[in-house]
Amino acid sequence: MLDPENGKIALSESRKTETGNRDKFYENLYGLQNSDQFKDSADKVQLTLLSDLSPGAIISKIESNDQGGLATRFALLALNPFVLEGEKIDYGAFNTNGELDLFSPDSGTGTLTSSYLVDRMTMLIRKNWFNSEDKNPLDSSVTFSSSNHSYQNINDSLESGADIAKFDTLIAVGRHGASDVRQSRDNDLTILF
């Protein structure tokens, strides 16, 4: 968290913790919790678990064009299980080129389609299940559900761990140009950008 002019809280890419480094994560978390800025923000910000919301409530938040909508879209894009909201929370650092803007088919502006965000929500549900059940997503013996879909985050190389050759549908989620995805079997391939 930064302290720019007017007392706004801005989120920064430079404070990310690399995947798999729990010690660094807790070091950053405790540093945040002990900071004066964090203590001063008590009762001014809200941390909402997405798992506490119904799919309809999440979709309503996604479709909103206010800071809450940006916060929810950021959470889904980053596969965060929570939304950080508040009057002085600024997601501008993550939306400099409209990365969090909803796609409008009428004007052709924006980047995030409704179907991408719904698929992202589904992927987050699966990721949360693996985390809450303390399961290894790369263990092919783990069964998530009877679904015949495999979700892959191309940007983070996070895979459901299932043998994708047995699925009827492969949905690859990522940014255009981030990876070269090719169909290598007879099954359907859907690429969402």
C-alpha atoms as a PDB file:
ATOM      1  CA  MET A   1       0.000   0.000   0.000  1.00  0.00           C
ATOM      2  CA  LEU A   2       1.217   3.444  -0.844  1.00  0.00           C
ATOM      3  CA  ASP A   3       0.243   6.855   0.481  1.00  0.00           C
ATOM      4  CA  PRO A   4      -0.258   9.165  -2.508  1.00  0.00           C
ATOM      5  CA  GLU A   5      -1.784  12.639  -2.354  1.00  0.00           C
ATOM      6  CA  ASN A   6      -5.198  13.175  -0.733  1.00  0.00           C
ATOM      7  CA  GLY A   7      -4.657  10.197   1.578  1.00  0.00           C
ATOM      8  CA  LYS A   8      -5.757   7.636  -1.002  1.00  0.00           C
ATOM      9  CA  ILE A   9      -4.640   4.054  -0.621  1.00  0.00           C
ATOM     10  CA  ALA A  10      -3.092   2.783  -3.832  1.00  0.00           C
ATOM     11  CA  LEU A  11      -2.189  -0.812  -4.528  1.00  0.00           C
ATOM     12  CA  SER A  12       1.204  -1.488  -6.052  1.00  0.00           C
ATOM     13  CA  GLU A  13       2.495  -4.239  -8.342  1.00  0.00           C
ATOM     14  CA  SER A  14       5.919  -3.929  -6.693  1.00  0.00           C
ATOM     15  CA  ARG A  15       4.603  -5.420  -3.437  1.00  0.00           C
ATOM     16  CA  LYS A  16       3.559  -8.765  -4.911  1.00  0.00           C
ATOM     17  CA  THR A  17       4.747 -11.941  -3.241  1.00  0.00           C
ATOM     18  CA  GLU A  18       5.970 -14.610  -5.634  1.00  0.00           C
ATOM     19  CA  THR A  19       3.987 -17.829  -5.714  1.00  0.00           C
ATOM     20  CA  GLY A  20       5.133 -20.502  -3.280  1.00  0.00           C
ATOM     21  CA  ASN A  21       7.076 -18.202  -0.952  1.00  0.00           C
ATOM     22  CA  ARG A  22       4.962 -18.414   2.216  1.00  0.00           C
ATOM     23  CA  ASP A  23       7.668 -16.874   4.421  1.00  0.00           C
ATOM     24  CA  LYS A  24       7.784 -13.763   2.224  1.00  0.00           C
ATOM     25  CA  PHE A  25       3.970 -13.689   2.115  1.00  0.00           C
ATOM     26  CA  TYR A  26       3.709 -13.644   5.914  1.00  0.00           C
ATOM     27  CA  GLU A  27       6.566 -11.143   6.168  1.00  0.00           C
ATOM     28  CA  ASN A  28       4.650  -8.817   3.828  1.00  0.00           C
ATOM     29  CA  LEU A  29       1.355  -9.503   5.624  1.00  0.00           C
ATOM     30  CA  TYR A  30       2.774  -8.731   9.076  1.00  0.00           C
ATOM     31  CA  GLY A  31       4.521  -5.649   7.699  1.00  0.00           C
ATOM     32  CA  LEU A  32       1.203  -4.453   6.322  1.00  0.00           C
ATOM     33  CA  GLN A  33      -0.710  -5.205   9.533  1.00  0.00           C
ATOM     34  CA  ASN A  34       1.845  -3.304  11.622  1.00  0.00           C
ATOM     35  CA  SER A  35       2.002  -0.245   9.353  1.00  0.00           C
ATOM     36  CA  ASP A  36       0.487   3.039  10.539  1.00  0.00           C
ATOM     37  CA  GLN A  37      -1.374   3.421   7.253  1.00  0.00           C
ATOM     38  CA  PHE A  38      -3.064   0.049   7.693  1.00  0.00           C
ATOM     39  CA  LYS A  39      -4.012   0.823  11.294  1.00  0.00           C
ATOM     40  CA  ASP A  40      -5.408   4.221  10.225  1.00  0.00           C
ATOM     41  CA  SER A  41      -7.552   2.512   7.574  1.00  0.00           C
ATOM     42  CA  ALA A  42      -9.486   0.475  10.170  1.00  0.00           C
ATOM     43  CA  ASP A  43     -13.237   0.867   9.592  1.00  0.00           C
ATOM     44  CA  LYS A  44     -12.508   2.632   6.276  1.00  0.00           C
ATOM     45  CA  VAL A  45     -11.891  -0.427   4.103  1.00  0.00           C
ATOM     46  CA  GLN A  46     -13.710  -3.701   3.688  1.00  0.00           C
ATOM     47  CA  LEU A  47     -12.335  -7.111   2.817  1.00  0.00           C
ATOM     48  CA  THR A  48     -15.103  -9.236   1.298  1.00  0.00           C
ATOM     49  CA  LEU A  49     -14.624 -12.950   0.702  1.00  0.00           C
ATOM     50  CA  LEU A  50     -15.985 -13.870  -2.712  1.00  0.00           C
ATOM     51  CA  SER A  51     -16.965 -17.256  -1.295  1.00  0.00           C
ATOM     52  CA  ASP A  52     -19.445 -15.446   0.982  1.00  0.00           C
ATOM     53  CA  LEU A  53     -21.271 -13.991  -2.033  1.00  0.00           C
ATOM     54  CA  SER A  54     -23.736 -15.709  -4.330  1.00  0.00           C
ATOM     55  CA  PRO A  55     -22.807 -15.966  -8.026  1.00  0.00           C
ATOM     56  CA  GLY A  56     -25.524 -13.387  -8.749  1.00  0.00           C
ATOM     57  CA  ALA A  57     -24.042 -10.947  -6.230  1.00  0.00           C
ATOM     58  CA  ILE A  58     -20.572 -11.397  -7.722  1.00  0.00           C
ATOM     59  CA  ILE A  59     -21.911 -10.794 -11.229  1.00  0.00           C
ATOM     60  CA  SER A  60     -23.686  -7.627 -10.018  1.00  0.00           C
ATOM     61  CA  LYS A  61     -20.413  -6.387  -8.544  1.00  0.00           C
ATOM     62  CA  ILE A  62     -18.513  -7.279 -11.728  1.00  0.00           C
ATOM     63  CA  GLU A  63     -20.932  -5.310 -13.908  1.00  0.00           C
ATOM     64  CA  SER A  64     -20.709  -2.169 -11.769  1.00  0.00           C
ATOM     65  CA  ASN A  65     -18.673   0.698 -13.221  1.00  0.00           C
ATOM     66  CA  ASP A  66     -17.706   2.101  -9.811  1.00  0.00           C
ATOM     67  CA  GLN A  67     -14.619   1.373  -7.684  1.00  0.00           C
ATOM     68  CA  GLY A  68     -16.362  -1.741  -6.308  1.00  0.00           C
ATOM     69  CA  GLY A  69     -16.663  -3.098  -9.847  1.00  0.00           C
ATOM     70  CA  LEU A  70     -12.986  -2.414 -10.521  1.00  0.00           C
ATOM     71  CA  ALA A  71     -12.078  -4.078  -7.218  1.00  0.00           C
ATOM     72  CA  THR A  72     -14.109  -7.188  -8.024  1.00  0.00           C
ATOM     73  CA  ARG A  73     -12.760  -7.460 -11.567  1.00  0.00           C
ATOM     74  CA  PHE A  74      -9.214  -7.069 -10.223  1.00  0.00           C
ATOM     75  CA  ALA A  75      -9.850  -9.834  -7.677  1.00  0.00           C
ATOM     76  CA  LEU A  76     -11.033 -12.212 -10.404  1.00  0.00           C
ATOM     77  CA  LEU A  77      -8.243 -11.262 -12.787  1.00  0.00           C
ATOM     78  CA  ALA A  78      -5.661 -11.914 -10.038  1.00  0.00           C
ATOM     79  CA  LEU A  79      -7.579 -14.992  -8.784  1.00  0.00           C
ATOM     80  CA  ASN A  80      -7.816 -13.420  -5.321  1.00  0.00           C
ATOM     81  CA  PRO A  81     -10.445 -15.035  -3.080  1.00  0.00           C
ATOM     82  CA  PHE A  82     -11.359 -11.611  -1.666  1.00  0.00           C
ATOM     83  CA  VAL A  83     -12.207  -8.073  -2.744  1.00  0.00           C
ATOM     84  CA  LEU A  84     -10.565  -5.106  -1.013  1.00  0.00           C
ATOM     85  CA  GLU A  85     -12.881  -2.111  -1.169  1.00  0.00           C
ATOM     86  CA  GLY A  86     -13.028   1.280   0.443  1.00  0.00           C
ATOM     87  CA  GLU A  87     -13.703   4.918  -0.214  1.00  0.00           C
ATOM     88  CA  LYS A  88     -10.008   5.670  -0.646  1.00  0.00           C
ATOM     89  CA  ILE A  89      -8.896   2.460  -2.373  1.00  0.00           C
ATOM     90  CA  ASP A  90      -7.522   3.226  -5.831  1.00  0.00           C
ATOM     91  CA  TYR A  91      -7.113   0.478  -8.450  1.00  0.00           C
ATOM     92  CA  GLY A  92      -5.832   2.949 -11.039  1.00  0.00           C
ATOM     93  CA  ALA A  93      -2.346   1.409 -11.028  1.00  0.00           C
ATOM     94  CA  PHE A  94      -3.889  -1.782 -12.424  1.00  0.00           C
ATOM     95  CA  ASN A  95      -6.128  -0.050 -14.954  1.00  0.00           C
ATOM     96  CA  THR A  96      -3.781   2.364 -16.711  1.00  0.00           C
ATOM     97  CA  ASN A  97      -4.632   0.930 -20.140  1.00  0.00           C
ATOM     98  CA  GLY A  98      -8.190  -0.172 -19.375  1.00  0.00           C
ATOM     99  CA  GLU A  99      -7.191  -3.682 -18.265  1.00  0.00           C
ATOM    100  CA  LEU A 100     -10.096  -3.757 -15.791  1.00  0.00           C
ATOM    101  CA  ASP A 101     -12.693  -2.147 -18.069  1.00  0.00           C
ATOM    102  CA  LEU A 102     -15.699  -4.149 -19.201  1.00  0.00           C
ATOM    103  CA  PHE A 103     -15.802  -4.904 -22.908  1.00  0.00           C
ATOM    104  CA  SER A 104     -18.562  -3.107 -24.783  1.00  0.00           C
ATOM    105  CA  PRO A 105     -19.557  -4.810 -28.043  1.00  0.00           C
ATOM    106  CA  ASP A 106     -21.264  -1.589 -29.176  1.00  0.00           C
ATOM    107  CA  SER A 107     -18.190   0.623 -28.930  1.00  0.00           C
ATOM    108  CA  GLY A 108     -15.474  -2.048 -29.050  1.00  0.00           C
ATOM    109  CA  THR A 109     -13.846  -0.566 -25.954  1.00  0.00           C
ATOM    110  CA  GLY A 110     -12.802  -2.368 -22.795  1.00  0.00           C
ATOM    111  CA  THR A 111     -11.014  -5.661 -22.381  1.00  0.00           C
ATOM    112  CA  LEU A 112     -12.945  -7.973 -20.041  1.00  0.00           C
ATOM    113  CA  THR A 113     -15.954  -9.822 -21.429  1.00  0.00           C
ATOM    114  CA  SER A 114     -18.725 -11.170 -19.222  1.00  0.00           C
ATOM    115  CA  SER A 115     -17.981 -14.741 -20.290  1.00  0.00           C
ATOM    116  CA  TYR A 116     -14.277 -14.317 -19.438  1.00  0.00           C
ATOM    117  CA  LEU A 117     -15.159 -13.054 -15.954  1.00  0.00           C
ATOM    118  CA  VAL A 118     -17.651 -15.872 -15.347  1.00  0.00           C
ATOM    119  CA  ASP A 119     -15.032 -18.433 -16.443  1.00  0.00           C
ATOM    120  CA  ARG A 120     -12.502 -16.713 -14.203  1.00  0.00           C
ATOM    121  CA  MET A 121     -14.970 -16.993 -11.307  1.00  0.00           C
ATOM    122  CA  THR A 122     -15.335 -20.722 -12.013  1.00  0.00           C
ATOM    123  CA  MET A 123     -11.563 -21.127 -12.070  1.00  0.00           C
ATOM    124  CA  LEU A 124     -11.286 -19.267  -8.741  1.00  0.00           C
ATOM    125  CA  ILE A 125     -13.866 -21.616  -7.197  1.00  0.00           C
ATOM    126  CA  ARG A 126     -11.727 -24.566  -8.271  1.00  0.00           C
ATOM    127  CA  LYS A 127      -8.519 -22.948  -7.019  1.00  0.00           C
ATOM    128  CA  ASN A 128     -10.168 -22.180  -3.659  1.00  0.00           C
ATOM    129  CA  TRP A 129     -11.335 -25.783  -3.376  1.00  0.00           C
ATOM    130  CA  PHE A 130      -7.789 -27.075  -3.871  1.00  0.00           C
ATOM    131  CA  ASN A 131      -6.524 -24.590  -1.265  1.00  0.00           C
ATOM    132  CA  SER A 132      -9.243 -25.235   1.330  1.00  0.00           C
ATOM    133  CA  GLU A 133      -8.951 -29.015   0.936  1.00  0.00           C
ATOM    134  CA  ASP A 134      -5.143 -28.759   1.012  1.00  0.00           C
ATOM    135  CA  LYS A 135      -4.928 -30.712  -2.242  1.00  0.00           C
ATOM    136  CA  ASN A 136      -2.153 -30.522  -4.784  1.00  0.00           C
ATOM    137  CA  PRO A 137      -3.613 -29.299  -8.090  1.00  0.00           C
ATOM    138  CA  LEU A 138      -0.906 -31.240  -9.939  1.00  0.00           C
ATOM    139  CA  ASP A 139      -1.973 -34.563  -8.380  1.00  0.00           C
ATOM    140  CA  SER A 140      -3.993 -36.277 -11.115  1.00  0.00           C
ATOM    141  CA  SER A 141      -5.620 -38.640  -8.604  1.00  0.00           C
ATOM    142  CA  VAL A 142      -7.543 -35.751  -6.970  1.00  0.00           C
ATOM    143  CA  THR A 143     -11.122 -35.456  -8.205  1.00  0.00           C
ATOM    144  CA  PHE A 144     -12.691 -32.007  -7.991  1.00  0.00           C
ATOM    145  CA  SER A 145     -16.102 -32.789  -9.434  1.00  0.00           C
ATOM    146  CA  SER A 146     -17.814 -34.682 -12.201  1.00  0.00           C
ATOM    147  CA  SER A 147     -17.180 -31.767 -14.558  1.00  0.00           C
ATOM    148  CA  ASN A 148     -15.384 -32.662 -17.747  1.00  0.00           C
ATOM    149  CA  HIS A 149     -13.642 -29.293 -18.034  1.00  0.00           C
ATOM    150  CA  SER A 150     -10.036 -28.428 -17.318  1.00  0.00           C
ATOM    151  CA  TYR A 151      -9.187 -24.821 -16.500  1.00  0.00           C
ATOM    152  CA  GLN A 152      -5.698 -23.513 -17.120  1.00  0.00           C
ATOM    153  CA  ASN A 153      -4.351 -20.076 -16.304  1.00  0.00           C
ATOM    154  CA  ILE A 154      -1.804 -19.548 -19.049  1.00  0.00           C
ATOM    155  CA  ASN A 155      -0.276 -16.504 -17.361  1.00  0.00           C
ATOM    156  CA  ASP A 156       0.463 -18.272 -14.082  1.00  0.00           C
ATOM    157  CA  SER A 157       0.750 -21.834 -15.433  1.00  0.00           C
ATOM    158  CA  LEU A 158      -1.750 -22.894 -12.769  1.00  0.00           C
ATOM    159  CA  GLU A 159      -3.389 -26.122 -13.849  1.00  0.00           C
ATOM    160  CA  SER A 160      -6.177 -28.147 -12.352  1.00  0.00           C
ATOM    161  CA  GLY A 161      -3.829 -31.115 -12.431  1.00  0.00           C
ATOM    162  CA  ALA A 162      -6.236 -33.405 -14.203  1.00  0.00           C
ATOM    163  CA  ASP A 163      -5.276 -35.348 -17.302  1.00  0.00           C
ATOM    164  CA  ILE A 164      -6.656 -32.957 -19.919  1.00  0.00           C
ATOM    165  CA  ALA A 165      -6.561 -35.563 -22.665  1.00  0.00           C
ATOM    166  CA  LYS A 166      -9.674 -37.211 -21.211  1.00  0.00           C
ATOM    167  CA  PHE A 167     -11.792 -34.034 -21.275  1.00  0.00           C
ATOM    168  CA  ASP A 168     -14.224 -33.074 -24.012  1.00  0.00           C
ATOM    169  CA  THR A 169     -13.524 -29.368 -23.634  1.00  0.00           C
ATOM    170  CA  LEU A 170     -10.379 -27.403 -22.837  1.00  0.00           C
ATOM    171  CA  ILE A 171     -10.808 -23.787 -21.801  1.00  0.00           C
ATOM    172  CA  ALA A 172      -7.573 -21.790 -21.827  1.00  0.00           C
ATOM    173  CA  VAL A 173      -7.747 -18.412 -20.099  1.00  0.00           C
ATOM    174  CA  GLY A 174      -5.060 -15.814 -20.668  1.00  0.00           C
ATOM    175  CA  ARG A 175      -4.106 -12.581 -22.342  1.00  0.00           C
ATOM    176  CA  HIS A 176      -3.728 -12.363 -26.085  1.00  0.00           C
ATOM    177  CA  GLY A 177      -0.103 -12.813 -27.023  1.00  0.00           C
ATOM    178  CA  ALA A 178       0.885 -14.128 -23.576  1.00  0.00           C
ATOM    179  CA  SER A 179       1.238 -17.674 -24.772  1.00  0.00           C
ATOM    180  CA  ASP A 180       1.060 -19.685 -27.947  1.00  0.00           C
ATOM    181  CA  VAL A 181      -1.789 -22.157 -27.430  1.00  0.00           C
ATOM    182  CA  ARG A 182      -2.415 -24.757 -30.119  1.00  0.00           C
ATOM    183  CA  GLN A 183      -4.962 -27.511 -30.336  1.00  0.00           C
ATOM    184  CA  SER A 184      -3.137 -30.820 -30.151  1.00  0.00           C
ATOM    185  CA  ARG A 185      -6.035 -33.256 -30.044  1.00  0.00           C
ATOM    186  CA  ASP A 186      -9.454 -33.776 -31.564  1.00  0.00           C
ATOM    187  CA  ASN A 187     -11.282 -32.219 -28.606  1.00  0.00           C
ATOM    188  CA  ASP A 188     -12.745 -28.730 -28.656  1.00  0.00           C
ATOM    189  CA  LEU A 189     -10.470 -25.854 -27.688  1.00  0.00           C
ATOM    190  CA  THR A 190     -11.798 -22.544 -26.439  1.00  0.00           C
ATOM    191  CA  ILE A 191      -9.369 -19.688 -25.916  1.00  0.00           C
ATOM    192  CA  LEU A 192     -10.680 -16.741 -23.926  1.00  0.00           C
ATOM    193  CA  PHE A 193      -8.845 -13.418 -23.914  1.00  0.00           C
END
